[in-house]
Amino acid sequence: MGGEQRITVEGILQNADDEVLLLQRSEHESYPGEWQPPAGKIEYRESPWDAVAREVYEETGLAVSPVSPPDGLINTQAYTNEYETTDDSSNGLHTIIISYRVDPVEPYDPDDVMLSDEHQAYDWVHPDEAPERELVGSFQETVELLEPYNDGQ
């Protein structure tokens, strides 16, 4: 039996010190207590760029714009979560994740983050230190690809 498919986006925002904004998921959400960048599903008829800007704003209150290719696209990946259904048939949720580097639309203070109820904390973390956190599994691959972004800017 086939499963469902979902397409999601991640917004990677780095500050002047090349630290990445990570959000800690609330205890009432899936993956409670785990850390991730702002992320979410692409809505019907929404472009990936519009989705990443919307998700970052909804989850942090920060207005951002995706960085144009080739620098803006960091990673794409896919995975399937297998789960059991009530009728004992095997099923799965196949998720495609598109990770974009985003820049603020206007200057901001790193303390300007306003969390939605999906998250309980935020922190600015250097990519080298991110693996020390309990990261949402899909973000572990992306964090390994992050390079300094603000050099020379």
Protein backbone atom coordinates (compact mmCIF):
# COMPACT_ATOMS: atom_id res chain seq x y z
CA MET A 1 0.00 0.00 0.00
CA GLY A 2 1.33 3.45 -0.84
CA GLY A 3 1.83 6.19 1.65
CA GLU A 4 1.54 9.93 1.68
CA GLN A 5 4.03 12.48 0.42
CA ARG A 6 4.84 15.89 1.86
CA ILE A 7 7.14 18.65 0.60
CA THR A 8 8.66 20.91 3.23
CA VAL A 9 11.13 23.79 3.39
CA GLU A 10 13.76 24.87 5.92
CA GLY A 11 14.93 28.48 6.28
CA ILE A 12 18.58 28.77 7.27
CA LEU A 13 19.22 32.21 8.77
CA GLN A 14 22.80 33.04 9.79
CA ASN A 15 23.76 36.12 11.77
CA ALA A 16 26.90 38.26 11.37
CA ASP A 17 28.87 35.69 13.41
CA ASP A 18 27.72 32.87 11.08
CA GLU A 19 25.58 31.38 13.84
CA VAL A 20 22.42 29.61 12.67
CA LEU A 21 19.01 30.29 14.20
CA LEU A 22 17.69 27.08 15.76
CA LEU A 23 14.28 26.59 17.37
CA GLN A 24 13.48 24.00 20.04
CA ARG A 25 10.22 22.17 19.39
CA SER A 26 7.51 22.41 22.06
CA GLU A 27 6.66 19.40 24.19
CA HIS A 28 3.20 19.11 22.56
CA GLU A 29 4.63 18.87 19.02
CA SER A 30 6.21 15.95 17.17
CA TYR A 31 9.93 15.57 17.97
CA PRO A 32 9.48 17.34 21.35
CA GLY A 33 12.54 19.14 22.65
CA GLU A 34 14.53 18.66 19.43
CA TRP A 35 16.18 21.58 17.61
CA GLN A 36 15.66 22.65 14.01
CA PRO A 37 15.65 25.75 11.82
CA PRO A 38 12.31 27.35 10.98
CA ALA A 39 10.56 24.83 8.74
CA GLY A 40 7.20 23.64 7.50
CA LYS A 41 5.02 22.31 4.72
CA ILE A 42 4.53 23.95 1.37
CA GLU A 43 0.84 24.80 1.01
CA TYR A 44 -1.21 24.04 -2.09
CA ARG A 45 -0.26 26.38 -4.96
CA GLU A 46 2.52 27.99 -2.91
CA SER A 47 6.05 28.27 -4.29
CA PRO A 48 8.94 26.93 -2.18
CA TRP A 49 10.36 30.47 -1.89
CA ASP A 50 7.04 31.86 -0.64
CA ALA A 51 6.69 28.91 1.75
CA VAL A 52 10.10 29.39 3.36
CA ALA A 53 9.51 33.13 3.85
CA ARG A 54 6.07 32.41 5.36
CA GLU A 55 7.32 29.66 7.67
CA VAL A 56 10.22 31.73 9.00
CA TYR A 57 7.87 34.65 9.68
CA GLU A 58 5.18 32.49 11.32
CA GLU A 59 7.68 30.74 13.59
CA THR A 60 9.99 33.66 14.46
CA GLY A 61 8.34 36.96 13.53
CA LEU A 62 11.32 37.76 11.27
CA ALA A 63 10.65 38.83 7.68
CA VAL A 64 13.10 37.11 5.33
CA SER A 65 13.71 36.57 1.66
CA PRO A 66 15.34 33.46 0.16
CA VAL A 67 18.83 34.00 -1.25
CA SER A 68 18.94 33.61 -5.03
CA PRO A 69 20.54 30.48 -6.51
CA PRO A 70 23.13 29.15 -6.54
CA ASP A 71 24.00 30.39 -3.02
CA GLY A 72 20.47 30.07 -1.68
CA LEU A 73 19.82 26.38 -2.17
CA ILE A 74 21.72 24.47 0.49
CA ASN A 75 20.30 20.97 0.33
CA THR A 76 17.49 18.74 -0.83
CA GLN A 77 16.76 15.41 0.77
CA ALA A 78 14.06 12.80 1.08
CA TYR A 79 13.19 10.23 3.70
CA THR A 80 10.31 7.94 4.57
CA ASN A 81 8.95 7.43 8.07
CA GLU A 82 7.37 4.01 8.32
CA TYR A 83 4.44 3.65 10.66
CA GLU A 84 1.82 1.04 11.37
CA THR A 85 -1.82 1.68 10.56
CA THR A 86 -4.79 0.41 12.55
CA ASP A 87 -5.35 -2.43 10.05
CA ASP A 88 -1.71 -3.64 10.44
CA SER A 89 -0.79 -2.63 6.89
CA SER A 90 2.57 -0.97 6.33
CA ASN A 91 2.40 2.67 5.38
CA GLY A 92 4.77 5.62 5.33
CA LEU A 93 5.08 9.34 5.04
CA HIS A 94 7.58 10.27 2.35
CA THR A 95 8.96 13.75 2.99
CA ILE A 96 11.00 15.90 0.63
CA ILE A 97 12.90 18.74 2.31
CA ILE A 98 14.28 21.78 0.50
CA SER A 99 16.74 23.83 2.57
CA TYR A 100 17.19 27.48 1.63
CA ARG A 101 19.53 30.12 2.96
CA VAL A 102 17.46 33.20 3.82
CA ASP A 103 18.38 36.81 4.54
CA PRO A 104 16.42 39.32 6.60
CA VAL A 105 14.32 41.81 4.67
CA GLU A 106 15.45 44.56 7.05
CA PRO A 107 18.07 44.82 9.81
CA TYR A 108 17.17 42.95 12.98
CA ASP A 109 18.55 42.28 16.42
CA PRO A 110 19.20 38.56 17.11
CA ASP A 111 16.99 38.96 20.20
CA ASP A 112 14.00 40.05 18.03
CA VAL A 113 12.84 36.43 17.59
CA MET A 114 9.19 35.94 18.63
CA LEU A 115 8.38 32.23 18.90
CA SER A 116 5.13 30.63 17.83
CA ASP A 117 3.54 28.01 20.08
CA GLU A 118 5.25 25.29 18.01
CA HIS A 119 8.55 26.10 19.74
CA GLN A 120 9.65 26.69 23.31
CA ALA A 121 13.12 28.23 22.88
CA TYR A 122 15.56 29.56 20.31
CA ASP A 123 19.30 29.96 20.11
CA TRP A 124 21.92 31.16 17.69
CA VAL A 125 24.40 28.31 17.29
CA HIS A 126 27.59 27.97 15.26
CA PRO A 127 27.20 25.11 12.75
CA ASP A 128 30.16 23.28 14.33
CA GLU A 129 28.31 23.26 17.67
CA ALA A 130 24.87 22.31 16.31
CA PRO A 131 25.51 18.52 16.40
CA GLU A 132 25.90 18.84 20.19
CA ARG A 133 22.16 19.62 20.31
CA GLU A 134 19.43 17.05 19.89
CA LEU A 135 18.62 17.93 16.28
CA VAL A 136 15.56 16.87 14.31
CA GLY A 137 17.01 14.04 12.22
CA SER A 138 16.51 15.63 8.82
CA PHE A 139 18.46 18.75 9.80
CA GLN A 140 21.62 16.80 10.69
CA GLU A 141 22.48 16.34 7.02
CA THR A 142 21.92 20.01 6.21
CA VAL A 143 24.03 21.35 9.09
CA GLU A 144 27.03 19.40 7.79
CA LEU A 145 26.77 21.34 4.50
CA LEU A 146 26.73 24.81 6.06
CA GLU A 147 29.71 26.98 5.36
CA PRO A 148 30.49 30.49 6.49
CA TYR A 149 28.11 32.78 4.66
CA ASN A 150 28.90 36.24 5.95
CA ASP A 151 32.61 36.29 5.08
CA GLY A 152 33.30 39.45 3.17
CA GLN A 153 29.74 40.78 3.45
